[in-house]
Amino acid sequence: MRKYHLFTVFIIILIFVLVIEPKNYNRIVEATQRLHGLISITWELPCPNIIKTQYDHDEEYKRNSLIQNREIHNIPNNIFQIYINNDKIPIEIVSNINFIKNNNRGWKYYLITDKNVDMWFKDMNDPTFKIIYDDISVSYPAAKCDLLRYLLMKHYGGVYLDIKSSSKYPLDNIIEPKIMLFNWCFFHTKFVNICSLPGSKRKRKTDNEIAQWVLIYPKGHFFIDAVLKRLKVVYNEYKNDKNINQCIYHFTGPDNYTDSVSELANSENSILYPSFVDKGLEYNSLSSSHMCYSKGKHYLNVKGKIIN
């Protein structure tokens, strides 16, 4: 009976929130999808059969060669995604990539894979971070992706999206003059905020965590410089003290990004949105948990050091 009353109260609150703020509907839908993905990762639920194919880098090169360089509020027209530590790419991800390209015909698109990642490092000519990249354990491809996304923003600028992520709207219609930052919570409204779940393996450092699965930056922005500076400090700590507890969130992930950016962000140089959903951004546009499309375990389920 007590559980029934609690459920009834929850439904009443939910209806109240939706009535007062109709836009919360999209936030609730996205939160429900993300919750399902978290459960799949935590309980390591079985995945559907994933059909894979080879990505056509030659087609990408030809497409990009036809697009002129330009900027939207100082943001170069580059879209970056990363898919490393995998031999082939799922067809559903290719469909997501094609959607992004078709929705942004005036934007160059780049997919960084094992096939071309060394070429990108050679072009960036950033040997210190290449050493760090190589020192990151292959069991933590997410940490390698974290480092890569920051370097891409530093050296080229543009928009970075996780391989599972997308945008419903053309980027030309989304980008603002100031740096765009997004709160990273399951549910965020004026009335109800849920930023973590009981029993989750992921303990958030702060309820004001900023999402870094989407980055929108001009080339060489000082926010990114601060993130890379902190990352290098943590790397040296891990490298020189084998007894220290290593944490991907603290090293390359959202704890680093949030701490570094929060110290510098203000109303003059950035906009902090309560929800990325409001701008049409999608954390996971795929039909299953993103771990179903990757090789190996999710980093929440990996044991062992990030830096040996």
Protein backbone atom coordinates (compact mmCIF):
# COMPACT_ATOMS: atom_id res chain seq x y z
CA MET A 1 0.00 0.00 0.00
CA ARG A 2 2.86 2.38 0.86
CA LYS A 3 4.51 1.74 -2.54
CA TYR A 4 1.17 2.45 -4.22
CA HIS A 5 0.86 5.82 -2.46
CA LEU A 6 4.43 6.76 -3.37
CA PHE A 7 3.79 5.89 -7.01
CA THR A 8 0.60 7.98 -6.99
CA VAL A 9 2.46 10.97 -5.54
CA PHE A 10 5.16 10.58 -8.20
CA ILE A 11 2.56 10.57 -11.00
CA ILE A 12 0.86 13.67 -9.56
CA ILE A 13 4.19 15.51 -9.40
CA LEU A 14 5.00 14.43 -12.95
CA ILE A 15 1.67 15.69 -14.29
CA PHE A 16 2.10 18.97 -12.40
CA VAL A 17 5.55 19.49 -13.86
CA LEU A 18 4.31 18.77 -17.39
CA VAL A 19 1.34 21.11 -17.06
CA ILE A 20 3.45 23.96 -15.73
CA GLU A 21 6.27 23.42 -18.24
CA PRO A 22 5.13 21.53 -21.37
CA LYS A 23 8.68 21.48 -22.76
CA ASN A 24 9.55 19.02 -19.98
CA TYR A 25 7.90 16.29 -22.06
CA ASN A 26 10.98 16.00 -24.31
CA ARG A 27 13.24 16.03 -21.27
CA ILE A 28 11.29 13.18 -19.66
CA VAL A 29 11.39 11.10 -22.86
CA GLU A 30 15.16 11.57 -23.14
CA ALA A 31 15.68 10.81 -19.45
CA THR A 32 13.68 7.59 -19.77
CA GLN A 33 15.79 6.48 -22.74
CA ARG A 34 19.00 7.28 -20.89
CA LEU A 35 17.82 5.42 -17.80
CA HIS A 36 17.21 2.33 -19.93
CA GLY A 37 20.73 2.61 -21.32
CA LEU A 38 22.22 2.94 -17.83
CA ILE A 39 20.37 -0.17 -16.67
CA SER A 40 21.65 -2.07 -19.72
CA ILE A 41 25.22 -1.06 -18.92
CA THR A 42 25.03 -1.66 -15.16
CA TRP A 43 23.39 -5.08 -15.47
CA GLU A 44 25.29 -5.91 -18.70
CA LEU A 45 22.08 -6.92 -20.47
CA PRO A 46 22.37 -8.87 -23.76
CA CYS A 47 22.46 -6.88 -27.00
CA PRO A 48 20.62 -7.46 -30.26
CA ASN A 49 22.49 -8.70 -33.31
CA ILE A 50 24.50 -5.75 -34.66
CA ILE A 51 25.28 -5.72 -38.39
CA LYS A 52 28.55 -3.98 -39.23
CA THR A 53 30.22 -2.63 -42.34
CA GLN A 54 33.30 -0.68 -43.46
CA TYR A 55 33.24 3.11 -43.32
CA ASP A 56 34.05 4.88 -46.59
CA HIS A 57 36.73 7.44 -45.76
CA ASP A 58 37.23 8.15 -49.48
CA GLU A 59 33.62 9.27 -49.83
CA GLU A 60 34.08 11.49 -46.77
CA TYR A 61 37.16 13.11 -48.32
CA LYS A 62 35.34 13.79 -51.62
CA ARG A 63 32.36 15.31 -49.81
CA ASN A 64 34.53 17.57 -47.65
CA SER A 65 36.53 18.77 -50.65
CA LEU A 66 33.35 20.27 -52.13
CA ILE A 67 32.51 22.29 -48.99
CA GLN A 68 34.08 25.69 -48.43
CA ASN A 69 35.49 26.62 -45.03
CA ARG A 70 33.32 29.06 -43.12
CA GLU A 71 32.42 30.01 -39.54
CA ILE A 72 29.16 30.39 -37.65
CA HIS A 73 29.71 32.73 -34.69
CA ASN A 74 33.45 31.90 -34.84
CA ILE A 75 32.72 28.14 -34.91
CA PRO A 76 34.42 26.47 -37.92
CA ASN A 77 32.11 24.28 -40.01
CA ASN A 78 33.73 21.01 -38.85
CA ILE A 79 31.81 18.08 -37.36
CA PHE A 80 33.90 15.45 -35.58
CA GLN A 81 33.00 11.99 -34.32
CA ILE A 82 35.28 9.21 -33.07
CA TYR A 83 35.02 5.43 -33.36
CA ILE A 84 38.22 3.73 -32.25
CA ASN A 85 39.19 0.27 -30.99
CA ASN A 86 36.74 -1.29 -33.43
CA ASP A 87 37.36 -3.10 -36.72
CA LYS A 88 34.05 -2.33 -38.44
CA ILE A 89 31.27 0.15 -37.87
CA PRO A 90 27.62 -0.78 -37.20
CA ILE A 91 25.21 0.06 -40.01
CA GLU A 92 22.97 1.95 -37.58
CA ILE A 93 25.86 4.27 -36.71
CA VAL A 94 26.52 4.82 -40.43
CA SER A 95 22.85 5.79 -40.77
CA ASN A 96 23.27 8.28 -37.93
CA ILE A 97 26.37 9.71 -39.63
CA ASN A 98 24.46 10.07 -42.91
CA PHE A 99 21.63 11.85 -41.09
CA ILE A 100 24.11 14.32 -39.59
CA LYS A 101 25.70 14.93 -43.00
CA ASN A 102 22.37 15.40 -44.79
CA ASN A 103 21.12 17.70 -42.05
CA ASN A 104 24.28 19.82 -42.30
CA ARG A 105 25.20 20.00 -45.98
CA GLY A 106 27.38 23.06 -45.47
CA TRP A 107 29.48 21.35 -42.80
CA LYS A 108 32.52 19.17 -43.28
CA TYR A 109 32.29 15.81 -41.51
CA TYR A 110 35.23 13.82 -40.10
CA LEU A 111 35.14 10.36 -38.53
CA ILE A 112 38.32 9.51 -36.61
CA THR A 113 38.99 5.75 -36.54
CA ASP A 114 41.93 3.44 -35.94
CA LYS A 115 42.59 3.71 -39.66
CA ASN A 116 43.31 7.45 -39.66
CA VAL A 117 43.96 8.47 -36.03
CA ASP A 118 47.75 8.53 -36.52
CA MET A 119 47.30 10.84 -39.50
CA TRP A 120 45.32 13.25 -37.30
CA PHE A 121 48.01 13.20 -34.61
CA LYS A 122 50.66 13.86 -37.24
CA ASP A 123 48.71 16.84 -38.52
CA MET A 124 48.09 18.21 -35.00
CA ASN A 125 51.80 17.83 -34.17
CA ASP A 126 51.18 17.70 -30.42
CA PRO A 127 53.74 15.09 -29.25
CA THR A 128 53.10 15.47 -25.52
CA PHE A 129 49.48 14.47 -25.86
CA LYS A 130 50.32 11.74 -28.36
CA ILE A 131 52.43 10.13 -25.61
CA ILE A 132 49.52 10.40 -23.17
CA TYR A 133 47.14 8.95 -25.78
CA ASP A 134 49.43 5.96 -26.35
CA ASP A 135 49.85 5.44 -22.60
CA ILE A 136 46.10 5.11 -22.02
CA SER A 137 45.16 1.43 -21.70
CA VAL A 138 43.31 -0.11 -24.65
CA SER A 139 40.71 -1.20 -22.08
CA TYR A 140 39.69 2.46 -21.80
CA PRO A 141 38.93 3.64 -25.36
CA ALA A 142 36.53 6.19 -23.86
CA ALA A 143 39.50 7.96 -22.23
CA LYS A 144 41.31 8.02 -25.57
CA CYS A 145 38.18 9.50 -27.16
CA ASP A 146 37.98 12.12 -24.40
CA LEU A 147 41.53 13.27 -25.06
CA LEU A 148 41.02 13.25 -28.83
CA ARG A 149 37.90 15.42 -28.68
CA TYR A 150 39.69 18.11 -26.67
CA LEU A 151 42.63 18.08 -29.09
CA LEU A 152 40.32 18.38 -32.09
CA MET A 153 38.69 21.44 -30.54
CA LYS A 154 42.10 22.90 -29.68
CA HIS A 155 43.65 22.49 -33.13
CA TYR A 156 40.64 22.84 -35.45
CA GLY A 157 37.49 23.91 -33.62
CA GLY A 158 33.97 22.99 -34.66
CA VAL A 159 31.40 20.61 -33.21
CA TYR A 160 32.18 17.30 -31.56
CA LEU A 161 29.44 14.71 -31.00
CA ASP A 162 29.78 11.26 -29.46
CA ILE A 163 29.36 8.53 -32.06
CA LYS A 164 25.92 7.67 -30.64
CA SER A 165 24.79 11.29 -30.54
CA SER A 166 23.09 13.59 -33.01
CA SER A 167 21.18 16.82 -33.51
CA LYS A 168 17.57 17.00 -34.65
CA TYR A 169 18.11 20.46 -36.09
CA PRO A 170 20.77 21.84 -38.46
CA LEU A 171 23.75 23.15 -36.53
CA ASP A 172 23.41 26.52 -38.27
CA ASN A 173 20.13 26.93 -36.37
CA ILE A 174 21.58 25.91 -33.00
CA ILE A 175 24.90 27.67 -32.55
CA GLU A 176 24.97 30.85 -30.47
CA PRO A 177 27.57 33.65 -30.26
CA LYS A 178 28.71 32.52 -26.79
CA ILE A 179 30.19 29.14 -25.80
CA MET A 180 27.33 26.69 -25.32
CA LEU A 181 27.41 24.53 -22.18
CA PHE A 182 24.81 21.97 -21.16
CA ASN A 183 23.83 20.59 -17.76
CA TRP A 184 24.11 16.82 -17.58
CA CYS A 185 21.22 15.53 -15.49
CA PHE A 186 18.59 12.85 -15.96
CA PHE A 187 15.84 15.36 -15.29
CA HIS A 188 16.28 19.07 -14.75
CA THR A 189 13.42 21.53 -14.22
CA LYS A 190 12.56 24.40 -11.91
CA PHE A 191 10.68 21.92 -9.73
CA VAL A 192 12.46 18.57 -9.95
CA ASN A 193 16.16 17.79 -10.45
CA ILE A 194 17.47 14.24 -10.71
CA CYS A 195 21.19 14.11 -11.44
CA SER A 196 22.07 10.64 -10.11
CA LEU A 197 20.36 7.37 -9.28
CA PRO A 198 20.61 5.24 -6.11
CA GLY A 199 22.75 2.18 -6.72
CA SER A 200 24.42 3.60 -9.81
CA LYS A 201 28.12 2.79 -10.25
CA ARG A 202 28.63 6.35 -11.40
CA LYS A 203 28.93 8.75 -8.46
CA ARG A 204 28.71 12.28 -9.79
CA LYS A 205 31.10 14.77 -8.23
CA THR A 206 28.58 17.58 -8.57
CA ASP A 207 24.94 18.04 -9.54
CA ASN A 208 26.11 20.82 -11.87
CA GLU A 209 28.07 18.48 -14.12
CA ILE A 210 28.52 19.81 -17.66
CA ALA A 211 28.10 17.45 -20.59
CA GLN A 212 31.19 16.83 -22.73
CA TRP A 213 29.68 14.38 -25.22
CA VAL A 214 28.88 17.52 -27.20
CA LEU A 215 31.49 20.26 -27.63
CA ILE A 216 30.98 23.43 -29.68
CA TYR A 217 34.12 25.57 -29.77
CA PRO A 218 36.18 27.91 -31.91
CA LYS A 219 39.75 26.82 -32.54
CA GLY A 220 42.08 27.19 -29.56
CA HIS A 221 39.56 28.32 -26.93
CA PHE A 222 40.91 28.87 -23.43
CA PHE A 223 38.25 26.59 -21.89
CA ILE A 224 39.78 23.66 -23.78
CA ASP A 225 43.32 24.77 -22.89
CA ALA A 226 42.33 24.59 -19.21
CA VAL A 227 40.88 21.08 -19.62
CA LEU A 228 44.04 19.81 -21.32
CA LYS A 229 46.24 21.45 -18.69
CA ARG A 230 44.36 19.68 -15.88
CA LEU A 231 44.44 16.41 -17.84
CA LYS A 232 48.22 16.62 -18.17
CA VAL A 233 48.61 17.23 -14.42
CA VAL A 234 46.49 14.18 -13.59
CA TYR A 235 48.39 12.07 -16.13
CA ASN A 236 51.69 12.90 -14.42
CA GLU A 237 50.16 11.99 -11.05
CA TYR A 238 49.01 8.61 -12.38
CA LYS A 239 52.32 7.98 -14.13
CA ASN A 240 54.46 8.78 -11.10
CA ASP A 241 52.34 7.22 -8.35
CA LYS A 242 51.19 3.67 -9.10
CA ASN A 243 49.26 3.49 -5.81
CA ILE A 244 46.97 6.41 -6.58
CA ASN A 245 43.34 5.61 -7.39
CA GLN A 246 42.77 6.21 -11.09
CA CYS A 247 39.40 7.54 -12.20
CA ILE A 248 38.38 8.17 -15.80
CA TYR A 249 35.97 10.94 -14.78
CA HIS A 250 38.69 12.79 -12.90
CA PHE A 251 41.33 12.18 -15.60
CA THR A 252 39.69 12.83 -18.98
CA GLY A 253 35.95 12.79 -18.32
CA PRO A 254 33.20 15.12 -17.12
CA ASP A 255 34.72 15.84 -13.69
CA ASN A 256 37.81 17.30 -15.36
CA TYR A 257 35.74 19.16 -17.96
CA THR A 258 33.26 20.53 -15.42
CA ASP A 259 35.91 21.66 -12.93
CA SER A 260 38.08 23.28 -15.60
CA VAL A 261 35.28 25.08 -17.41
CA SER A 262 33.32 26.13 -14.31
CA GLU A 263 36.30 28.10 -13.02
CA LEU A 264 36.33 30.20 -16.20
CA ALA A 265 32.73 30.35 -17.43
CA ASN A 266 30.59 33.42 -16.82
CA SER A 267 27.59 35.15 -18.37
CA GLU A 268 29.87 37.20 -20.62
CA ASN A 269 31.61 34.30 -22.36
CA SER A 270 29.16 31.38 -22.22
CA ILE A 271 25.56 30.17 -21.89
CA LEU A 272 24.70 27.28 -19.57
CA TYR A 273 21.56 25.51 -20.75
CA PRO A 274 19.53 23.52 -18.19
CA SER A 275 18.99 20.76 -20.77
CA PHE A 276 20.62 19.88 -24.09
CA VAL A 277 17.25 18.48 -25.18
CA ASP A 278 15.87 22.02 -25.46
CA LYS A 279 18.33 22.69 -28.32
CA GLY A 280 17.43 19.50 -30.16
CA LEU A 281 20.58 17.59 -29.22
CA GLU A 282 20.31 13.82 -28.74
CA TYR A 283 22.60 11.94 -26.37
CA ASN A 284 21.77 8.55 -27.90
CA SER A 285 20.02 8.45 -31.25
CA LEU A 286 20.56 4.70 -31.63
CA SER A 287 17.94 2.05 -30.92
CA SER A 288 19.94 0.23 -28.19
CA SER A 289 22.43 1.06 -25.46
CA HIS A 290 25.57 2.51 -27.04
CA MET A 291 27.65 -0.30 -25.53
CA CYS A 292 25.98 -2.72 -27.93
CA TYR A 293 27.85 -0.97 -30.74
CA SER A 294 31.33 -1.10 -29.20
CA LYS A 295 33.92 -3.77 -28.60
CA GLY A 296 34.76 -4.55 -24.97
CA LYS A 297 33.12 -3.57 -21.70
CA HIS A 298 31.78 -0.19 -20.67
CA TYR A 299 34.37 1.69 -18.60
CA LEU A 300 32.08 1.45 -15.56
CA ASN A 301 32.61 -2.31 -15.70
CA VAL A 302 36.34 -2.29 -16.49
CA LYS A 303 38.89 -3.11 -13.80
CA GLY A 304 42.51 -2.09 -14.03
CA LYS A 305 44.52 1.07 -14.38
CA ILE A 306 44.00 3.65 -17.07
CA ILE A 307 47.70 4.54 -17.11
CA ASN A 308 50.19 1.73 -16.40
